[in-house]
Structures are given as structure tokens and as C-alpha cells.
């Protein structure tokens, strides 16, 4: 029975770790998305397509062309 006691603590710790990991993932993803949109559209490989930059701002998932 005493073996069951540490279980909730461990799961809580794991949950906190997962939340932190997801937060960091979210942060890095949003930073990565914000950087290219800050640059002038001329530098993008799809320069001239205004609709493309609009879609990027809307947050529509698009594969970045490297």
C-alpha cells in the first residue's frame, strides 16, 4: 500500500515537466514563426505574392521554403 503513495507525486511532477516542455516548444515555435514575418517580404523566396504573407500573418500552417 505504501508503494501507491508516491505515485500521485510522481505523476504531478511529470505533468509539470510536460507543461514546461510544451511551453518551451510553444515559445520556440512562435518565435520561429514571428521572425520570418518580421523580415521584409522581399527577402522571402515567394516575394511578390502578397496573399502568401497575409496567410503567414493569419497563422495558417505553411511549410517554410528554405
PDB file of N, CA and C in Angstrom:
ATOM      1  N   UNK A   1       0.828  -1.214   0.000  1.00  0.00           N
ATOM      2  CA  UNK A   1       0.000   0.000   0.000  1.00  0.00           C
ATOM      3  C   UNK A   1       0.863   1.265   0.000  1.00  0.00           C
ATOM      4  N   UNK A   2       1.950   1.234   0.740  1.00  0.00           N
ATOM      5  CA  UNK A   2       2.797   2.427   0.801  1.00  0.00           C
ATOM      6  C   UNK A   2       3.418   2.722  -0.566  1.00  0.00           C
ATOM      7  N   UNK A   3       3.498   1.695  -1.427  1.00  0.00           N
ATOM      8  CA  UNK A   3       4.043   1.901  -2.778  1.00  0.00           C
ATOM      9  C   UNK A   3       3.142   2.801  -3.620  1.00  0.00           C
ATOM     10  N   UNK A   4       1.861   2.861  -3.282  1.00  0.00           N
ATOM     11  CA  UNK A   4       0.935   3.701  -4.036  1.00  0.00           C
ATOM     12  C   UNK A   4       1.055   5.177  -3.663  1.00  0.00           C
ATOM     13  N   UNK A   5       1.573   5.487  -2.484  1.00  0.00           N
ATOM     14  CA  UNK A   5       1.643   6.872  -2.018  1.00  0.00           C
ATOM     15  C   UNK A   5       2.470   7.770  -2.946  1.00  0.00           C
ATOM     16  N   UNK A   6       3.683   7.380  -3.351  1.00  0.00           N
ATOM     17  CA  UNK A   6       4.493   8.275  -4.180  1.00  0.00           C
ATOM     18  C   UNK A   6       3.955   8.461  -5.604  1.00  0.00           C
ATOM     19  N   UNK A   7       3.036   7.575  -6.008  1.00  0.00           N
ATOM     20  CA  UNK A   7       2.526   7.654  -7.384  1.00  0.00           C
ATOM     21  C   UNK A   7       1.950   9.036  -7.741  1.00  0.00           C
ATOM     22  N   UNK A   8       1.005   9.595  -6.956  1.00  0.00           N
ATOM     23  CA  UNK A   8       0.439  10.903  -7.318  1.00  0.00           C
ATOM     24  C   UNK A   8       1.507  11.981  -7.419  1.00  0.00           C
ATOM     25  N   UNK A   9       2.464  11.971  -6.483  1.00  0.00           N
ATOM     26  CA  UNK A   9       3.533  12.974  -6.525  1.00  0.00           C
ATOM     27  C   UNK A   9       4.308  12.879  -7.835  1.00  0.00           C
ATOM     28  N   UNK A  10       4.644  11.656  -8.226  1.00  0.00           N
ATOM     29  CA  UNK A  10       5.412  11.471  -9.454  1.00  0.00           C
ATOM     30  C   UNK A  10       4.610  11.940 -10.670  1.00  0.00           C
ATOM     31  N   UNK A  11       3.341  11.589 -10.707  1.00  0.00           N
ATOM     32  CA  UNK A  11       2.532  11.981 -11.869  1.00  0.00           C
ATOM     33  C   UNK A  11       2.401  13.514 -11.906  1.00  0.00           C
ATOM     34  N   UNK A  12       2.256  14.136 -10.743  1.00  0.00           N
ATOM     35  CA  UNK A  12       2.192  15.598 -10.702  1.00  0.00           C
ATOM     36  C   UNK A  12       3.493  16.198 -11.232  1.00  0.00           C
ATOM     37  N   UNK A  13       4.613  15.624 -10.811  1.00  0.00           N
ATOM     38  CA  UNK A  13       5.903  16.126 -11.278  1.00  0.00           C
ATOM     39  C   UNK A  13       6.011  15.970 -12.792  1.00  0.00           C
ATOM     40  N   UNK A  14       5.606  14.799 -13.274  1.00  0.00           N
ATOM     41  CA  UNK A  14       5.654  14.563 -14.722  1.00  0.00           C
ATOM     42  C   UNK A  14       4.762  15.556 -15.456  1.00  0.00           C
ATOM     43  N   UNK A  15       3.600  15.812 -14.884  1.00  0.00           N
ATOM     44  CA  UNK A  15       2.679  16.751 -15.530  1.00  0.00           C
ATOM     45  C   UNK A  15       3.326  18.132 -15.615  1.00  0.00           C
ATOM     46  N   UNK A  16       3.962  18.571 -14.527  1.00  0.00           N
ATOM     47  CA  UNK A  16       4.620  19.881 -14.523  1.00  0.00           C
ATOM     48  C   UNK A  16       5.739  19.905 -15.562  1.00  0.00           C
ATOM     49  N   UNK A  17       6.529  18.815 -15.601  1.00  0.00           N
ATOM     50  CA  UNK A  17       7.614  18.756 -16.590  1.00  0.00           C
ATOM     51  C   UNK A  17       7.049  18.832 -18.003  1.00  0.00           C
ATOM     52  N   UNK A  18       5.973  18.079 -18.259  1.00  0.00           N
ATOM     53  CA  UNK A  18       5.377  18.087 -19.594  1.00  0.00           C
ATOM     54  C   UNK A  18       4.886  19.495 -19.937  1.00  0.00           C
ATOM     55  N   UNK A  19       4.245  20.146 -18.985  1.00  0.00           N
ATOM     56  CA  UNK A  19       3.741  21.501 -19.227  1.00  0.00           C
ATOM     57  C   UNK A  19       4.904  22.432 -19.564  1.00  0.00           C
ATOM     58  N   UNK A  20       6.002  22.305 -18.829  1.00  0.00           N
ATOM     59  CA  UNK A  20       7.170  23.141 -19.109  1.00  0.00           C
ATOM     60  C   UNK A  20       7.705  22.853 -20.507  1.00  0.00           C
ATOM     61  N   UNK A  21       7.842  21.573 -20.835  1.00  0.00           N
ATOM     62  CA  UNK A  21       8.346  21.205 -22.163  1.00  0.00           C
ATOM     63  C   UNK A  21       7.447  21.779 -23.250  1.00  0.00           C
ATOM     64  N   UNK A  22       6.129  21.624 -23.079  1.00  0.00           N
ATOM     65  CA  UNK A  22       5.200  22.134 -24.087  1.00  0.00           C
ATOM     66  C   UNK A  22       5.309  23.655 -24.178  1.00  0.00           C
ATOM     67  N   UNK A  23       5.449  24.315 -23.031  1.00  0.00           N
ATOM     68  CA  UNK A  23       5.594  25.771 -23.029  1.00  0.00           C
ATOM     69  C   UNK A  23       6.826  26.187 -23.809  1.00  0.00           C
ATOM     70  N   UNK A  24       7.941  25.498 -23.580  1.00  0.00           N
ATOM     71  CA  UNK A  24       9.162  25.822 -24.307  1.00  0.00           C
ATOM     72  C   UNK A  24       8.983  25.548 -25.798  1.00  0.00           C
ATOM     73  N   UNK A  25       8.330  24.439 -26.131  1.00  0.00           N
ATOM     74  CA  UNK A  25       8.083  24.118 -27.540  1.00  0.00           C
ATOM     75  C   UNK A  25       7.242  25.215 -28.171  1.00  0.00           C
ATOM     76  N   UNK A  26       6.178  25.586 -27.472  1.00  0.00           N
ATOM     77  CA  UNK A  26       5.303  26.636 -27.989  1.00  0.00           C
ATOM     78  C   UNK A  26       6.090  27.915 -28.221  1.00  0.00           C
ATOM     79  N   UNK A  27       6.908  28.285 -27.225  1.00  0.00           N
ATOM     80  CA  UNK A  27       7.660  29.520 -27.314  1.00  0.00           C
ATOM     81  C   UNK A  27       8.591  29.496 -28.519  1.00  0.00           C
ATOM     82  N   UNK A  28       9.356  28.398 -28.660  1.00  0.00           N
ATOM     83  CA  UNK A  28      10.314  28.317 -29.768  1.00  0.00           C
ATOM     84  C   UNK A  28       9.571  28.317 -31.106  1.00  0.00           C
ATOM     85  N   UNK A  29       8.425  27.638 -31.171  1.00  0.00           N
ATOM     86  CA  UNK A  29       7.662  27.598 -32.419  1.00  0.00           C
ATOM     87  C   UNK A  29       7.149  28.989 -32.773  1.00  0.00           C
ATOM     88  N   UNK A  30       6.573  29.692 -31.799  1.00  0.00           N
ATOM     89  CA  UNK A  30       6.031  31.024 -32.081  1.00  0.00           C
ATOM     90  C   UNK A  30       7.162  31.984 -32.442  1.00  0.00           C
ATOM     91  N   UNK A  31       8.315  31.868 -31.768  1.00  0.00           N
ATOM     92  CA  UNK A  31       9.447  32.723 -32.105  1.00  0.00           C
ATOM     93  C   UNK A  31       9.893  32.455 -33.533  1.00  0.00           C
ATOM     94  N   UNK A  32       9.947  31.188 -33.892  1.00  0.00           N
ATOM     95  CA  UNK A  32      10.360  30.826 -35.245  1.00  0.00           C
ATOM     96  C   UNK A  32       9.394  31.366 -36.288  1.00  0.00           C
ATOM     97  N   UNK A  33       8.110  31.407 -35.956  1.00  0.00           N
ATOM     98  CA  UNK A  33       7.115  31.914 -36.902  1.00  0.00           C
ATOM     99  C   UNK A  33       7.159  33.441 -36.972  1.00  0.00           C
ATOM    100  N   UNK A  34       7.443  34.089 -35.846  1.00  0.00           N
ATOM    101  CA  UNK A  34       7.435  35.556 -35.826  1.00  0.00           C
ATOM    102  C   UNK A  34       8.642  36.134 -36.574  1.00  0.00           C
ATOM    103  N   UNK A  35       9.786  35.464 -36.474  1.00  0.00           N
ATOM    104  CA  UNK A  35      10.991  36.018 -37.093  1.00  0.00           C
ATOM    105  C   UNK A  35      10.860  36.214 -38.602  1.00  0.00           C
ATOM    106  N   UNK A  36      10.438  35.176 -39.356  1.00  0.00           N
ATOM    107  CA  UNK A  36      10.349  35.378 -40.805  1.00  0.00           C
ATOM    108  C   UNK A  36       9.324  36.435 -41.202  1.00  0.00           C
ATOM    109  N   UNK A  37       8.218  36.563 -40.462  1.00  0.00           N
ATOM    110  CA  UNK A  37       7.200  37.547 -40.823  1.00  0.00           C
ATOM    111  C   UNK A  37       7.685  38.975 -40.520  1.00  0.00           C
ATOM    112  N   UNK A  38       8.640  39.113 -39.585  1.00  0.00           N
ATOM    113  CA  UNK A  38       9.191  40.443 -39.292  1.00  0.00           C
ATOM    114  C   UNK A  38      10.072  40.940 -40.440  1.00  0.00           C
ATOM    115  N   UNK A  39      10.735  40.003 -41.136  1.00  0.00           N
ATOM    116  CA  UNK A  39      11.610  40.382 -42.235  1.00  0.00           C
ATOM    117  C   UNK A  39      10.787  40.957 -43.386  1.00  0.00           C
ATOM    118  N   UNK A  40      11.388  41.837 -44.167  1.00  0.00           N
ATOM    119  CA  UNK A  40      10.671  42.387 -45.322  1.00  0.00           C
ATOM    120  C   UNK A  40      10.317  41.280 -46.310  1.00  0.00           C
ATOM    121  N   UNK A  41       9.144  41.361 -46.949  1.00  0.00           N
ATOM    122  CA  UNK A  41       8.693  40.300 -47.860  1.00  0.00           C
ATOM    123  C   UNK A  41       9.658  40.079 -49.025  1.00  0.00           C
ATOM    124  N   UNK A  42      10.478  41.073 -49.348  1.00  0.00           N
ATOM    125  CA  UNK A  42      11.419  40.936 -50.468  1.00  0.00           C
ATOM    126  C   UNK A  42      12.379  39.770 -50.240  1.00  0.00           C
ATOM    127  N   UNK A  43      12.742  39.539 -48.978  1.00  0.00           N
ATOM    128  CA  UNK A  43      13.738  38.512 -48.682  1.00  0.00           C
ATOM    129  C   UNK A  43      13.155  37.099 -48.791  1.00  0.00           C
ATOM    130  N   UNK A  44      11.843  36.992 -48.739  1.00  0.00           N
ATOM    131  CA  UNK A  44      11.230  35.650 -48.807  1.00  0.00           C
ATOM    132  C   UNK A  44      11.343  35.121 -50.235  1.00  0.00           C
ATOM    133  N   UNK A  45      11.500  33.801 -50.378  1.00  0.00           N
ATOM    134  CA  UNK A  45      11.601  33.197 -51.713  1.00  0.00           C
ATOM    135  C   UNK A  45      10.335  33.408 -52.540  1.00  0.00           C
ATOM    136  N   UNK A  46       9.209  33.655 -51.873  1.00  0.00           N
ATOM    137  CA  UNK A  46       7.950  33.867 -52.577  1.00  0.00           C
ATOM    138  C   UNK A  46       7.647  35.362 -52.659  1.00  0.00           C
ATOM    139  N   UNK A  47       8.675  36.177 -52.885  1.00  0.00           N
ATOM    140  CA  UNK A  47       8.484  37.629 -52.945  1.00  0.00           C
ATOM    141  C   UNK A  47       7.509  37.970 -54.073  1.00  0.00           C
ATOM    142  N   UNK A  48       6.633  38.941 -53.818  1.00  0.00           N
ATOM    143  CA  UNK A  48       5.680  39.357 -54.831  1.00  0.00           C
ATOM    144  C   UNK A  48       4.292  38.783 -54.571  1.00  0.00           C
ATOM    145  N   UNK A  49       4.204  37.693 -53.832  1.00  0.00           N
ATOM    146  CA  UNK A  49       2.891  37.109 -53.520  1.00  0.00           C
ATOM    147  C   UNK A  49       2.392  37.705 -52.206  1.00  0.00           C
ATOM    148  N   UNK A  50       1.582  38.743 -52.293  1.00  0.00           N
ATOM    149  CA  UNK A  50       1.081  39.393 -51.087  1.00  0.00           C
ATOM    150  C   UNK A  50       0.164  38.454 -50.300  1.00  0.00           C
ATOM    151  N   UNK A  51      -0.610  37.640 -51.005  1.00  0.00           N
ATOM    152  CA  UNK A  51      -1.503  36.699 -50.328  1.00  0.00           C
ATOM    153  C   UNK A  51      -0.712  35.767 -49.422  1.00  0.00           C
ATOM    154  N   UNK A  52       0.481  35.371 -49.862  1.00  0.00           N
ATOM    155  CA  UNK A  52       1.298  34.440 -49.077  1.00  0.00           C
ATOM    156  C   UNK A  52       1.648  35.064 -47.721  1.00  0.00           C
ATOM    157  N   UNK A  53       2.074  36.344 -47.724  1.00  0.00           N
ATOM    158  CA  UNK A  53       2.436  36.979 -46.455  1.00  0.00           C
ATOM    159  C   UNK A  53       1.189  37.161 -45.587  1.00  0.00           C
ATOM    160  N   UNK A  54       0.043  37.446 -46.214  1.00  0.00           N
ATOM    161  CA  UNK A  54      -1.201  37.567 -45.444  1.00  0.00           C
ATOM    162  C   UNK A  54      -1.521  36.246 -44.744  1.00  0.00           C
ATOM    163  N   UNK A  55      -1.421  35.132 -45.477  1.00  0.00           N
ATOM    164  CA  UNK A  55      -1.681  33.825 -44.889  1.00  0.00           C
ATOM    165  C   UNK A  55      -0.727  33.575 -43.729  1.00  0.00           C
ATOM    166  N   UNK A  56       0.521  33.982 -43.897  1.00  0.00           N
ATOM    167  CA  UNK A  56       1.523  33.776 -42.844  1.00  0.00           C
ATOM    168  C   UNK A  56       1.093  34.528 -41.581  1.00  0.00           C
ATOM    169  N   UNK A  57       0.604  35.742 -41.743  1.00  0.00           N
ATOM    170  CA  UNK A  57       0.202  36.534 -40.574  1.00  0.00           C
ATOM    171  C   UNK A  57      -1.022  35.916 -39.903  1.00  0.00           C
ATOM    172  N   UNK A  58      -1.929  35.376 -40.717  1.00  0.00           N
ATOM    173  CA  UNK A  58      -3.154  34.778 -40.164  1.00  0.00           C
ATOM    174  C   UNK A  58      -2.832  33.584 -39.276  1.00  0.00           C
ATOM    175  N   UNK A  59      -1.678  32.957 -39.506  1.00  0.00           N
ATOM    176  CA  UNK A  59      -1.320  31.799 -38.706  1.00  0.00           C
ATOM    177  C   UNK A  59      -1.692  30.495 -39.400  1.00  0.00           C
ATOM    178  N   UNK A  60      -2.023  30.569 -40.693  1.00  0.00           N
ATOM    179  CA  UNK A  60      -2.324  29.342 -41.437  1.00  0.00           C
ATOM    180  C   UNK A  60      -1.024  28.549 -41.587  1.00  0.00           C
ATOM    181  N   UNK A  61      -1.004  27.282 -41.182  1.00  0.00           N
ATOM    182  CA  UNK A  61       0.226  26.494 -41.239  1.00  0.00           C
ATOM    183  C   UNK A  61       0.722  26.353 -42.675  1.00  0.00           C
ATOM    184  N   UNK A  62       1.938  26.843 -42.920  1.00  0.00           N
ATOM    185  CA  UNK A  62       2.548  26.717 -44.243  1.00  0.00           C
ATOM    186  C   UNK A  62       3.969  26.220 -44.068  1.00  0.00           C
ATOM    187  N   UNK A  63       4.414  25.363 -44.975  1.00  0.00           N
ATOM    188  CA  UNK A  63       5.787  24.862 -44.909  1.00  0.00           C
ATOM    189  C   UNK A  63       6.735  25.979 -45.352  1.00  0.00           C
ATOM    190  N   UNK A  64       7.663  26.386 -44.490  1.00  0.00           N
ATOM    191  CA  UNK A  64       8.629  27.416 -44.891  1.00  0.00           C
ATOM    192  C   UNK A  64       9.561  26.894 -45.983  1.00  0.00           C
ATOM    193  N   UNK A  65       9.788  27.706 -47.002  1.00  0.00           N
ATOM    194  CA  UNK A  65      10.659  27.272 -48.098  1.00  0.00           C
ATOM    195  C   UNK A  65      12.080  27.708 -47.797  1.00  0.00           C
ATOM    196  N   UNK A  66      12.956  26.733 -47.610  1.00  0.00           N
ATOM    197  CA  UNK A  66      14.345  27.080 -47.310  1.00  0.00           C
ATOM    198  C   UNK A  66      15.182  26.936 -48.562  1.00  0.00           C
TER     199      UNK A  66
END
